[in-house]
Amino acid sequence: LARETDPLTRNKLEVLSKLGDASGPITRPRIRLAYQLTPQRVGGEKQAAGVAFTVTCSDDAVEIPAGLVLTSIGYRGKAIRGLPF
């Protein structure tokens, strides 16, 4: 982080580094970024309740509770004024 010279990239990295600070109880909706996981299925009857993953390059499995599941592979984002992009 300290070696990154591009101000926009440095700002994005600083924002992401603060997302993981869960020192207190979670009282509002949150976004969880999880890496090295391959999605297997979305659980739930009428709405999403969680997502089952396998850990990349292993046979380990993990399930993450979720009330909303978004896909993003293959989509192009659009810049929002005032939001680092």
PDB file of N, CA and C in Angstrom:
ATOM      1  N   LEU A   1       0.830  -1.192   0.000  1.00  0.00           N
ATOM      2  CA  LEU A   1       0.000   0.000   0.000  1.00  0.00           C
ATOM      3  C   LEU A   1       0.873   1.255   0.000  1.00  0.00           C
ATOM      4  N   ALA A   2       1.897   1.246   0.807  1.00  0.00           N
ATOM      5  CA  ALA A   2       2.755   2.431   0.900  1.00  0.00           C
ATOM      6  C   ALA A   2       3.539   2.656  -0.390  1.00  0.00           C
ATOM      7  N   ARG A   3       3.792   1.592  -1.170  1.00  0.00           N
ATOM      8  CA  ARG A   3       4.582   1.717  -2.391  1.00  0.00           C
ATOM      9  C   ARG A   3       3.742   2.136  -3.592  1.00  0.00           C
ATOM     10  N   GLU A   4       2.436   2.076  -3.495  1.00  0.00           N
ATOM     11  CA  GLU A   4       1.567   2.431  -4.618  1.00  0.00           C
ATOM     12  C   GLU A   4       1.663   3.929  -4.888  1.00  0.00           C
ATOM     13  N   THR A   5       1.989   4.293  -6.132  1.00  0.00           N
ATOM     14  CA  THR A   5       2.186   5.702  -6.461  1.00  0.00           C
ATOM     15  C   THR A   5       0.968   6.340  -7.114  1.00  0.00           C
ATOM     16  N   ASP A   6       0.121   5.567  -7.741  1.00  0.00           N
ATOM     17  CA  ASP A   6      -1.072   6.117  -8.379  1.00  0.00           C
ATOM     18  C   ASP A   6      -2.077   6.512  -7.299  1.00  0.00           C
ATOM     19  N   PRO A   7      -2.448   7.795  -7.206  1.00  0.00           N
ATOM     20  CA  PRO A   7      -3.342   8.246  -6.130  1.00  0.00           C
ATOM     21  C   PRO A   7      -4.699   7.545  -6.132  1.00  0.00           C
ATOM     22  N   LEU A   8      -5.264   7.293  -7.304  1.00  0.00           N
ATOM     23  CA  LEU A   8      -6.568   6.639  -7.370  1.00  0.00           C
ATOM     24  C   LEU A   8      -6.484   5.208  -6.844  1.00  0.00           C
ATOM     25  N   THR A   9      -5.457   4.476  -7.262  1.00  0.00           N
ATOM     26  CA  THR A   9      -5.276   3.105  -6.783  1.00  0.00           C
ATOM     27  C   THR A   9      -5.004   3.090  -5.293  1.00  0.00           C
ATOM     28  N   ARG A  10      -4.187   4.007  -4.820  1.00  0.00           N
ATOM     29  CA  ARG A  10      -3.888   4.084  -3.387  1.00  0.00           C
ATOM     30  C   ARG A  10      -5.165   4.338  -2.585  1.00  0.00           C
ATOM     31  N   ASN A  11      -6.023   5.234  -3.081  1.00  0.00           N
ATOM     32  CA  ASN A  11      -7.286   5.531  -2.404  1.00  0.00           C
ATOM     33  C   ASN A  11      -8.178   4.291  -2.350  1.00  0.00           C
ATOM     34  N   LYS A  12      -8.272   3.565  -3.450  1.00  0.00           N
ATOM     35  CA  LYS A  12      -9.085   2.338  -3.476  1.00  0.00           C
ATOM     36  C   LYS A  12      -8.557   1.318  -2.470  1.00  0.00           C
ATOM     37  N   LEU A  13      -7.245   1.157  -2.420  1.00  0.00           N
ATOM     38  CA  LEU A  13      -6.650   0.199  -1.489  1.00  0.00           C
ATOM     39  C   LEU A  13      -6.891   0.604  -0.040  1.00  0.00           C
ATOM     40  N   GLU A  14      -6.845   1.897   0.241  1.00  0.00           N
ATOM     41  CA  GLU A  14      -7.116   2.365   1.603  1.00  0.00           C
ATOM     42  C   GLU A  14      -8.562   2.086   1.996  1.00  0.00           C
ATOM     43  N   VAL A  15      -9.494   2.333   1.077  1.00  0.00           N
ATOM     44  CA  VAL A  15     -10.907   2.056   1.348  1.00  0.00           C
ATOM     45  C   VAL A  15     -11.105   0.567   1.607  1.00  0.00           C
ATOM     46  N   LEU A  16     -10.529  -0.283   0.749  1.00  0.00           N
ATOM     47  CA  LEU A  16     -10.672  -1.731   0.928  1.00  0.00           C
ATOM     48  C   LEU A  16     -10.037  -2.210   2.229  1.00  0.00           C
ATOM     49  N   SER A  17      -8.904  -1.622   2.614  1.00  0.00           N
ATOM     50  CA  SER A  17      -8.237  -2.068   3.840  1.00  0.00           C
ATOM     51  C   SER A  17      -9.071  -1.771   5.076  1.00  0.00           C
ATOM     52  N   LYS A  18      -9.922  -0.744   5.021  1.00  0.00           N
ATOM     53  CA  LYS A  18     -10.763  -0.391   6.164  1.00  0.00           C
ATOM     54  C   LYS A  18     -12.050  -1.203   6.217  1.00  0.00           C
ATOM     55  N   LEU A  19     -12.425  -1.860   5.115  1.00  0.00           N
ATOM     56  CA  LEU A  19     -13.663  -2.637   5.099  1.00  0.00           C
ATOM     57  C   LEU A  19     -13.622  -3.801   6.080  1.00  0.00           C
ATOM     58  N   GLY A  20     -12.463  -4.357   6.308  1.00  0.00           N
ATOM     59  CA  GLY A  20     -12.349  -5.525   7.164  1.00  0.00           C
ATOM     60  C   GLY A  20     -12.312  -5.227   8.648  1.00  0.00           C
ATOM     61  N   ASP A  21     -12.394  -3.979   9.046  1.00  0.00           N
ATOM     62  CA  ASP A  21     -12.326  -3.620  10.460  1.00  0.00           C
ATOM     63  C   ASP A  21     -13.676  -3.869  11.123  1.00  0.00           C
ATOM     64  N   ALA A  22     -13.810  -5.017  11.772  1.00  0.00           N
ATOM     65  CA  ALA A  22     -15.069  -5.379  12.435  1.00  0.00           C
ATOM     66  C   ALA A  22     -14.848  -5.423  13.937  1.00  0.00           C
ATOM     67  N   SER A  23     -14.358  -4.314  14.498  1.00  0.00           N
ATOM     68  CA  SER A  23     -14.047  -4.293  15.921  1.00  0.00           C
ATOM     69  C   SER A  23     -15.293  -4.244  16.794  1.00  0.00           C
ATOM     70  N   GLY A  24     -16.397  -3.776  16.258  1.00  0.00           N
ATOM     71  CA  GLY A  24     -17.645  -3.701  17.021  1.00  0.00           C
ATOM     72  C   GLY A  24     -18.723  -4.554  16.373  1.00  0.00           C
ATOM     73  N   PRO A  25     -19.881  -4.623  16.995  1.00  0.00           N
ATOM     74  CA  PRO A  25     -20.972  -5.409  16.415  1.00  0.00           C
ATOM     75  C   PRO A  25     -21.465  -4.779  15.111  1.00  0.00           C
ATOM     76  N   ILE A  26     -21.889  -5.610  14.193  1.00  0.00           N
ATOM     77  CA  ILE A  26     -22.387  -5.135  12.906  1.00  0.00           C
ATOM     78  C   ILE A  26     -23.842  -4.725  13.081  1.00  0.00           C
ATOM     79  N   THR A  27     -24.136  -3.458  12.813  1.00  0.00           N
ATOM     80  CA  THR A  27     -25.490  -2.945  13.029  1.00  0.00           C
ATOM     81  C   THR A  27     -26.158  -2.493  11.741  1.00  0.00           C
ATOM     82  N   ARG A  28     -25.488  -2.644  10.615  1.00  0.00           N
ATOM     83  CA  ARG A  28     -26.075  -2.239   9.338  1.00  0.00           C
ATOM     84  C   ARG A  28     -25.662  -3.238   8.256  1.00  0.00           C
ATOM     85  N   PRO A  29     -26.306  -3.207   7.101  1.00  0.00           N
ATOM     86  CA  PRO A  29     -25.914  -4.119   6.022  1.00  0.00           C
ATOM     87  C   PRO A  29     -24.451  -3.918   5.650  1.00  0.00           C
ATOM     88  N   ARG A  30     -23.819  -4.976   5.178  1.00  0.00           N
ATOM     89  CA  ARG A  30     -22.418  -4.878   4.808  1.00  0.00           C
ATOM     90  C   ARG A  30     -22.150  -5.679   3.552  1.00  0.00           C
ATOM     91  N   ILE A  31     -21.053  -5.364   2.917  1.00  0.00           N
ATOM     92  CA  ILE A  31     -20.589  -6.096   1.747  1.00  0.00           C
ATOM     93  C   ILE A  31     -19.374  -6.891   2.181  1.00  0.00           C
ATOM     94  N   ARG A  32     -19.351  -8.162   1.823  1.00  0.00           N
ATOM     95  CA  ARG A  32     -18.212  -9.003   2.171  1.00  0.00           C
ATOM     96  C   ARG A  32     -17.519  -9.429   0.890  1.00  0.00           C
ATOM     97  N   LEU A  33     -16.237  -9.112   0.781  1.00  0.00           N
ATOM     98  CA  LEU A  33     -15.444  -9.542  -0.355  1.00  0.00           C
ATOM     99  C   LEU A  33     -14.673 -10.781   0.061  1.00  0.00           C
ATOM    100  N   ALA A  34     -14.852 -11.862  -0.663  1.00  0.00           N
ATOM    101  CA  ALA A  34     -14.177 -13.119  -0.334  1.00  0.00           C
ATOM    102  C   ALA A  34     -13.422 -13.593  -1.567  1.00  0.00           C
ATOM    103  N   TYR A  35     -12.162 -13.930  -1.395  1.00  0.00           N
ATOM    104  CA  TYR A  35     -11.313 -14.341  -2.499  1.00  0.00           C
ATOM    105  C   TYR A  35     -10.930 -15.804  -2.343  1.00  0.00           C
ATOM    106  N   GLN A  36     -10.433 -16.372  -3.425  1.00  0.00           N
ATOM    107  CA  GLN A  36      -9.988 -17.772  -3.461  1.00  0.00           C
ATOM    108  C   GLN A  36     -11.135 -18.736  -3.178  1.00  0.00           C
ATOM    109  N   LEU A  37     -12.347 -18.368  -3.578  1.00  0.00           N
ATOM    110  CA  LEU A  37     -13.518 -19.222  -3.393  1.00  0.00           C
ATOM    111  C   LEU A  37     -14.218 -19.414  -4.732  1.00  0.00           C
ATOM    112  N   THR A  38     -14.685 -20.641  -4.966  1.00  0.00           N
ATOM    113  CA  THR A  38     -15.432 -20.961  -6.178  1.00  0.00           C
ATOM    114  C   THR A  38     -16.874 -21.236  -5.788  1.00  0.00           C
ATOM    115  N   PRO A  39     -17.829 -20.446  -6.280  1.00  0.00           N
ATOM    116  CA  PRO A  39     -19.227 -20.660  -5.888  1.00  0.00           C
ATOM    117  C   PRO A  39     -19.757 -21.985  -6.413  1.00  0.00           C
ATOM    118  N   GLN A  40     -20.528 -22.688  -5.584  1.00  0.00           N
ATOM    119  CA  GLN A  40     -21.129 -23.963  -5.970  1.00  0.00           C
ATOM    120  C   GLN A  40     -22.645 -23.856  -6.089  1.00  0.00           C
ATOM    121  N   ARG A  41     -23.256 -23.186  -5.134  1.00  0.00           N
ATOM    122  CA  ARG A  41     -24.719 -23.044  -5.172  1.00  0.00           C
ATOM    123  C   ARG A  41     -25.164 -21.917  -4.240  1.00  0.00           C
ATOM    124  N   VAL A  42     -26.326 -21.364  -4.570  1.00  0.00           N
ATOM    125  CA  VAL A  42     -26.981 -20.375  -3.718  1.00  0.00           C
ATOM    126  C   VAL A  42     -28.080 -21.108  -2.978  1.00  0.00           C
ATOM    127  N   GLY A  43     -28.073 -21.024  -1.650  1.00  0.00           N
ATOM    128  CA  GLY A  43     -29.072 -21.709  -0.837  1.00  0.00           C
ATOM    129  C   GLY A  43     -30.231 -20.803  -0.485  1.00  0.00           C
ATOM    130  N   GLY A  44     -31.360 -21.422  -0.183  1.00  0.00           N
ATOM    131  CA  GLY A  44     -32.550 -20.674   0.203  1.00  0.00           C
ATOM    132  C   GLY A  44     -33.744 -21.134  -0.606  1.00  0.00           C
ATOM    133  N   GLU A  45     -34.923 -20.978  -0.042  1.00  0.00           N
ATOM    134  CA  GLU A  45     -36.151 -21.393  -0.725  1.00  0.00           C
ATOM    135  C   GLU A  45     -36.651 -20.322  -1.690  1.00  0.00           C
ATOM    136  N   LYS A  46     -37.197 -19.236  -1.161  1.00  0.00           N
ATOM    137  CA  LYS A  46     -37.763 -18.185  -2.005  1.00  0.00           C
ATOM    138  C   LYS A  46     -36.824 -16.988  -2.160  1.00  0.00           C
ATOM    139  N   GLN A  47     -35.810 -16.926  -1.342  1.00  0.00           N
ATOM    140  CA  GLN A  47     -34.813 -15.862  -1.448  1.00  0.00           C
ATOM    141  C   GLN A  47     -33.470 -16.429  -1.027  1.00  0.00           C
ATOM    142  N   ALA A  48     -32.405 -15.729  -1.374  1.00  0.00           N
ATOM    143  CA  ALA A  48     -31.064 -16.186  -1.026  1.00  0.00           C
ATOM    144  C   ALA A  48     -30.893 -16.222   0.486  1.00  0.00           C
ATOM    145  N   ALA A  49     -30.298 -17.311   0.975  1.00  0.00           N
ATOM    146  CA  ALA A  49     -29.999 -17.434   2.401  1.00  0.00           C
ATOM    147  C   ALA A  49     -28.499 -17.589   2.630  1.00  0.00           C
ATOM    148  N   GLY A  50     -27.768 -17.982   1.592  1.00  0.00           N
ATOM    149  CA  GLY A  50     -26.336 -18.168   1.709  1.00  0.00           C
ATOM    150  C   GLY A  50     -25.771 -18.730   0.424  1.00  0.00           C
ATOM    151  N   VAL A  51     -24.454 -18.764   0.342  1.00  0.00           N
ATOM    152  CA  VAL A  51     -23.771 -19.294  -0.829  1.00  0.00           C
ATOM    153  C   VAL A  51     -22.751 -20.318  -0.363  1.00  0.00           C
ATOM    154  N   ALA A  52     -22.759 -21.489  -1.001  1.00  0.00           N
ATOM    155  CA  ALA A  52     -21.785 -22.539  -0.709  1.00  0.00           C
ATOM    156  C   ALA A  52     -20.625 -22.407  -1.692  1.00  0.00           C
ATOM    157  N   PHE A  53     -19.411 -22.469  -1.171  1.00  0.00           N
ATOM    158  CA  PHE A  53     -18.201 -22.338  -1.971  1.00  0.00           C
ATOM    159  C   PHE A  53     -17.274 -23.513  -1.704  1.00  0.00           C
ATOM    160  N   THR A  54     -16.383 -23.785  -2.660  1.00  0.00           N
ATOM    161  CA  THR A  54     -15.213 -24.610  -2.391  1.00  0.00           C
ATOM    162  C   THR A  54     -14.020 -23.662  -2.400  1.00  0.00           C
ATOM    163  N   VAL A  55     -13.050 -23.960  -1.561  1.00  0.00           N
ATOM    164  CA  VAL A  55     -11.844 -23.148  -1.502  1.00  0.00           C
ATOM    165  C   VAL A  55     -10.985 -23.512  -2.705  1.00  0.00           C
ATOM    166  N   THR A  56     -10.535 -22.514  -3.446  1.00  0.00           N
ATOM    167  CA  THR A  56      -9.753 -22.732  -4.653  1.00  0.00           C
ATOM    168  C   THR A  56      -8.519 -23.574  -4.350  1.00  0.00           C
ATOM    169  N   CYS A  57      -8.271 -24.549  -5.201  1.00  0.00           N
ATOM    170  CA  CYS A  57      -7.114 -25.456  -5.111  1.00  0.00           C
ATOM    171  C   CYS A  57      -7.165 -26.345  -3.872  1.00  0.00           C
ATOM    172  N   SER A  58      -8.350 -26.645  -3.360  1.00  0.00           N
ATOM    173  CA  SER A  58      -8.484 -27.584  -2.245  1.00  0.00           C
ATOM    174  C   SER A  58      -9.866 -28.211  -2.303  1.00  0.00           C
ATOM    175  N   ASP A  59     -10.109 -29.167  -1.433  1.00  0.00           N
ATOM    176  CA  ASP A  59     -11.424 -29.799  -1.346  1.00  0.00           C
ATOM    177  C   ASP A  59     -12.244 -29.222  -0.195  1.00  0.00           C
ATOM    178  N   ASP A  60     -11.711 -28.204   0.483  1.00  0.00           N
ATOM    179  CA  ASP A  60     -12.430 -27.589   1.599  1.00  0.00           C
ATOM    180  C   ASP A  60     -13.672 -26.859   1.096  1.00  0.00           C
ATOM    181  N   ALA A  61     -14.694 -26.831   1.928  1.00  0.00           N
ATOM    182  CA  ALA A  61     -15.940 -26.138   1.588  1.00  0.00           C
ATOM    183  C   ALA A  61     -16.267 -25.136   2.682  1.00  0.00           C
ATOM    184  N   VAL A  62     -16.955 -24.067   2.296  1.00  0.00           N
ATOM    185  CA  VAL A  62     -17.372 -23.044   3.243  1.00  0.00           C
ATOM    186  C   VAL A  62     -18.715 -22.498   2.771  1.00  0.00           C
ATOM    187  N   GLU A  63     -19.569 -22.144   3.725  1.00  0.00           N
ATOM    188  CA  GLU A  63     -20.848 -21.528   3.387  1.00  0.00           C
ATOM    189  C   GLU A  63     -20.918 -20.166   4.059  1.00  0.00           C
ATOM    190  N   ILE A  64     -21.286 -19.164   3.278  1.00  0.00           N
ATOM    191  CA  ILE A  64     -21.370 -17.797   3.779  1.00  0.00           C
ATOM    192  C   ILE A  64     -22.832 -17.371   3.757  1.00  0.00           C
ATOM    193  N   PRO A  65     -23.388 -16.983   4.918  1.00  0.00           N
ATOM    194  CA  PRO A  65     -24.776 -16.503   4.939  1.00  0.00           C
ATOM    195  C   PRO A  65     -24.911 -15.245   4.078  1.00  0.00           C
ATOM    196  N   ALA A  66     -26.000 -15.145   3.345  1.00  0.00           N
ATOM    197  CA  ALA A  66     -26.220 -13.977   2.487  1.00  0.00           C
ATOM    198  C   ALA A  66     -27.701 -13.786   2.228  1.00  0.00           C
ATOM    199  N   GLY A  67     -28.155 -12.559   2.299  1.00  0.00           N
ATOM    200  CA  GLY A  67     -29.539 -12.244   1.971  1.00  0.00           C
ATOM    201  C   GLY A  67     -29.674 -11.695   0.566  1.00  0.00           C
ATOM    202  N   LEU A  68     -28.538 -11.363  -0.061  1.00  0.00           N
ATOM    203  CA  LEU A  68     -28.519 -10.833  -1.418  1.00  0.00           C
ATOM    204  C   LEU A  68     -27.272 -11.361  -2.101  1.00  0.00           C
ATOM    205  N   VAL A  69     -27.409 -11.866  -3.313  1.00  0.00           N
ATOM    206  CA  VAL A  69     -26.278 -12.392  -4.072  1.00  0.00           C
ATOM    207  C   VAL A  69     -26.239 -11.666  -5.408  1.00  0.00           C
ATOM    208  N   LEU A  70     -25.092 -11.072  -5.735  1.00  0.00           N
ATOM    209  CA  LEU A  70     -24.904 -10.355  -6.991  1.00  0.00           C
ATOM    210  C   LEU A  70     -23.830 -11.039  -7.811  1.00  0.00           C
ATOM    211  N   THR A  71     -24.015 -11.113  -9.119  1.00  0.00           N
ATOM    212  CA  THR A  71     -22.957 -11.600  -9.998  1.00  0.00           C
ATOM    213  C   THR A  71     -22.272 -10.401 -10.621  1.00  0.00           C
ATOM    214  N   SER A  72     -20.994 -10.553 -10.934  1.00  0.00           N
ATOM    215  CA  SER A  72     -20.283  -9.421 -11.520  1.00  0.00           C
ATOM    216  C   SER A  72     -19.346  -9.825 -12.643  1.00  0.00           C
ATOM    217  N   ILE A  73     -19.175 -11.099 -12.902  1.00  0.00           N
ATOM    218  CA  ILE A  73     -18.262 -11.535 -13.953  1.00  0.00           C
ATOM    219  C   ILE A  73     -18.818 -11.121 -15.311  1.00  0.00           C
ATOM    220  N   GLY A  74     -18.004 -10.435 -16.089  1.00  0.00           N
ATOM    221  CA  GLY A  74     -18.399 -10.046 -17.432  1.00  0.00           C
ATOM    222  C   GLY A  74     -19.119  -8.718 -17.534  1.00  0.00           C
ATOM    223  N   TYR A  75     -19.324  -8.046 -16.435  1.00  0.00           N
ATOM    224  CA  TYR A  75     -19.998  -6.754 -16.472  1.00  0.00           C
ATOM    225  C   TYR A  75     -18.970  -5.630 -16.437  1.00  0.00           C
ATOM    226  N   ARG A  76     -19.308  -4.527 -17.055  1.00  0.00           N
ATOM    227  CA  ARG A  76     -18.451  -3.342 -16.997  1.00  0.00           C
ATOM    228  C   ARG A  76     -19.100  -2.328 -16.069  1.00  0.00           C
ATOM    229  N   GLY A  77     -18.321  -1.848 -15.130  1.00  0.00           N
ATOM    230  CA  GLY A  77     -18.843  -0.855 -14.198  1.00  0.00           C
ATOM    231  C   GLY A  77     -18.894   0.527 -14.826  1.00  0.00           C
ATOM    232  N   LYS A  78     -19.680   1.382 -14.253  1.00  0.00           N
ATOM    233  CA  LYS A  78     -19.758   2.776 -14.690  1.00  0.00           C
ATOM    234  C   LYS A  78     -19.353   3.662 -13.523  1.00  0.00           C
ATOM    235  N   ALA A  79     -18.604   4.695 -13.838  1.00  0.00           N
ATOM    236  CA  ALA A  79     -18.156   5.622 -12.801  1.00  0.00           C
ATOM    237  C   ALA A  79     -19.342   6.404 -12.245  1.00  0.00           C
ATOM    238  N   ILE A  80     -19.320   6.619 -10.939  1.00  0.00           N
ATOM    239  CA  ILE A  80     -20.317   7.440 -10.267  1.00  0.00           C
ATOM    240  C   ILE A  80     -19.590   8.664  -9.735  1.00  0.00           C
ATOM    241  N   ARG A  81     -20.070   9.850 -10.106  1.00  0.00           N
ATOM    242  CA  ARG A  81     -19.407  11.084  -9.701  1.00  0.00           C
ATOM    243  C   ARG A  81     -19.235  11.127  -8.183  1.00  0.00           C
ATOM    244  N   GLY A  82     -18.018  11.413  -7.733  1.00  0.00           N
ATOM    245  CA  GLY A  82     -17.729  11.529  -6.311  1.00  0.00           C
ATOM    246  C   GLY A  82     -17.325  10.221  -5.653  1.00  0.00           C
ATOM    247  N   LEU A  83     -17.434   9.098  -6.386  1.00  0.00           N
ATOM    248  CA  LEU A  83     -17.065   7.797  -5.841  1.00  0.00           C
ATOM    249  C   LEU A  83     -15.811   7.315  -6.553  1.00  0.00           C
ATOM    250  N   PRO A  84     -14.744   6.981  -5.820  1.00  0.00           N
ATOM    251  CA  PRO A  84     -13.515   6.514  -6.472  1.00  0.00           C
ATOM    252  C   PRO A  84     -13.804   5.289  -7.334  1.00  0.00           C
ATOM    253  N   PHE A  85     -13.303   5.299  -8.556  1.00  0.00           N
ATOM    254  CA  PHE A  85     -13.552   4.177  -9.476  1.00  0.00           C
ATOM    255  C   PHE A  85     -12.328   3.905 -10.298  1.00  0.00           C
TER     256      PHE A  85
END
